[in-house]
């Protein structure tokens, strides 16, 4: 996937996001105007059964969370990093409930 300005200059490109095969472009748009998004498979073959979904806008996108866990019976303050996030920290309440049995009586 690539993003081009009105003059055809490539502003951003991605063919996968970290260890996932789907691309993600996070780009600050420099000016108002027309932009083009190019979506294709990596070897330009294309097929009628290929499906593409695109979300464009000032969308929240979390890139990391720290810490990844906390005490089951307490509160944990979690730091969020990413794009367009309404908050950068959250306080998560732990639950100290016993696990439900999956056995039949």
Protein backbone atom coordinates (compact mmCIF):
# COMPACT_ATOMS: atom_id res chain seq x y z
CA UNK A 1 0.00 0.00 0.00
CA UNK A 2 1.30 3.45 -0.85
CA UNK A 3 0.15 7.04 -0.37
CA UNK A 4 0.88 9.67 -3.06
CA UNK A 5 0.34 13.42 -3.17
CA UNK A 6 -1.33 15.23 -6.10
CA UNK A 7 2.01 15.41 -7.98
CA UNK A 8 2.55 11.65 -7.70
CA UNK A 9 5.25 11.86 -5.02
CA UNK A 10 5.19 8.86 -2.67
CA UNK A 11 4.63 10.06 0.90
CA UNK A 12 4.35 6.70 2.66
CA UNK A 13 4.61 3.00 1.87
CA UNK A 14 4.07 -0.23 3.80
CA UNK A 15 3.76 -3.87 2.78
CA UNK A 16 3.22 -5.34 6.26
CA UNK A 17 2.83 -4.14 9.83
CA UNK A 18 5.39 -5.66 12.17
CA UNK A 19 4.78 -9.41 12.05
CA UNK A 20 1.40 -9.21 10.35
CA UNK A 21 0.95 -9.43 6.58
CA UNK A 22 -1.45 -6.48 6.33
CA UNK A 23 0.00 -2.99 5.79
CA UNK A 24 -0.65 -0.01 8.07
CA UNK A 25 0.30 3.53 7.08
CA UNK A 26 0.46 6.22 9.74
CA UNK A 27 1.21 9.51 8.08
CA UNK A 28 0.79 13.16 8.91
CA UNK A 29 -0.73 14.78 5.84
CA UNK A 30 1.34 17.90 5.07
CA UNK A 31 -1.30 20.01 3.29
CA UNK A 32 -4.91 20.07 2.18
CA UNK A 33 -5.38 18.61 -1.28
CA UNK A 34 -5.88 15.42 -3.23
CA UNK A 35 -4.06 12.23 -2.30
CA UNK A 36 -4.08 8.79 -3.85
CA UNK A 37 -3.90 5.46 -2.04
CA UNK A 38 -2.55 2.53 -4.07
CA UNK A 39 -3.55 -0.95 -2.89
CA UNK A 40 -2.18 -4.05 -4.56
CA UNK A 41 -0.71 -7.42 -3.76
CA UNK A 42 3.06 -7.72 -3.54
CA UNK A 43 3.57 -9.29 -6.97
CA UNK A 44 1.00 -7.25 -8.94
CA UNK A 45 -1.11 -10.28 -9.82
CA UNK A 46 -4.53 -9.43 -8.35
CA UNK A 47 -7.56 -11.70 -8.47
CA UNK A 48 -11.29 -11.23 -8.24
CA UNK A 49 -11.41 -13.03 -4.87
CA UNK A 50 -8.89 -10.69 -3.19
CA UNK A 51 -10.64 -8.50 -0.61
CA UNK A 52 -9.35 -5.14 0.58
CA UNK A 53 -10.73 -2.96 3.37
CA UNK A 54 -9.41 0.54 3.95
CA UNK A 55 -10.01 2.85 6.89
CA UNK A 56 -8.85 6.43 6.34
CA UNK A 57 -9.02 9.30 8.78
CA UNK A 58 -7.80 10.52 12.11
CA UNK A 59 -8.39 7.11 13.66
CA UNK A 60 -7.06 5.93 17.03
CA UNK A 61 -4.43 3.21 16.62
CA UNK A 62 -2.62 1.64 19.57
CA UNK A 63 0.96 0.54 18.82
CA UNK A 64 2.02 -0.53 22.32
CA UNK A 65 0.70 -1.15 25.82
CA UNK A 66 2.82 -1.26 29.00
CA UNK A 67 2.67 -3.14 31.27
CA UNK A 68 0.98 -6.16 29.69
CA UNK A 69 -0.42 -7.36 33.03
CA UNK A 70 -0.95 -6.56 36.66
CA UNK A 71 -2.20 -7.99 39.94
CA UNK A 72 -5.52 -9.82 39.76
CA UNK A 73 -6.86 -8.10 42.86
CA UNK A 74 -5.67 -4.54 42.31
CA UNK A 75 -5.48 -1.61 39.94
CA UNK A 76 -2.93 -1.31 37.16
CA UNK A 77 -2.13 1.92 35.32
CA UNK A 78 -1.43 1.10 31.69
CA UNK A 79 0.51 3.39 29.31
CA UNK A 80 -0.71 3.51 25.71
CA UNK A 81 1.30 4.66 22.70
CA UNK A 82 0.07 5.18 19.17
CA UNK A 83 -1.70 7.62 16.88
CA UNK A 84 -4.71 9.86 17.64
CA UNK A 85 -5.33 8.38 21.07
CA UNK A 86 -7.87 10.22 23.24
CA UNK A 87 -5.90 9.18 26.37
CA UNK A 88 -2.37 7.87 26.94
CA UNK A 89 -2.98 6.12 30.27
CA UNK A 90 -5.76 3.89 31.57
CA UNK A 91 -6.38 2.45 35.02
CA UNK A 92 -7.61 -1.13 34.81
CA UNK A 93 -9.39 -2.81 37.71
CA UNK A 94 -8.31 -6.38 38.37
CA UNK A 95 -10.87 -9.03 39.22
CA UNK A 96 -10.09 -11.68 41.76
CA UNK A 97 -12.78 -14.15 40.71
CA UNK A 98 -12.23 -17.89 40.68
CA UNK A 99 -12.26 -19.45 37.24
CA UNK A 100 -15.47 -21.19 36.25
CA UNK A 101 -15.27 -24.93 35.81
CA UNK A 102 -15.76 -26.25 32.28
CA UNK A 103 -16.66 -29.76 33.50
CA UNK A 104 -20.21 -31.03 33.31
CA UNK A 105 -21.87 -32.11 36.63
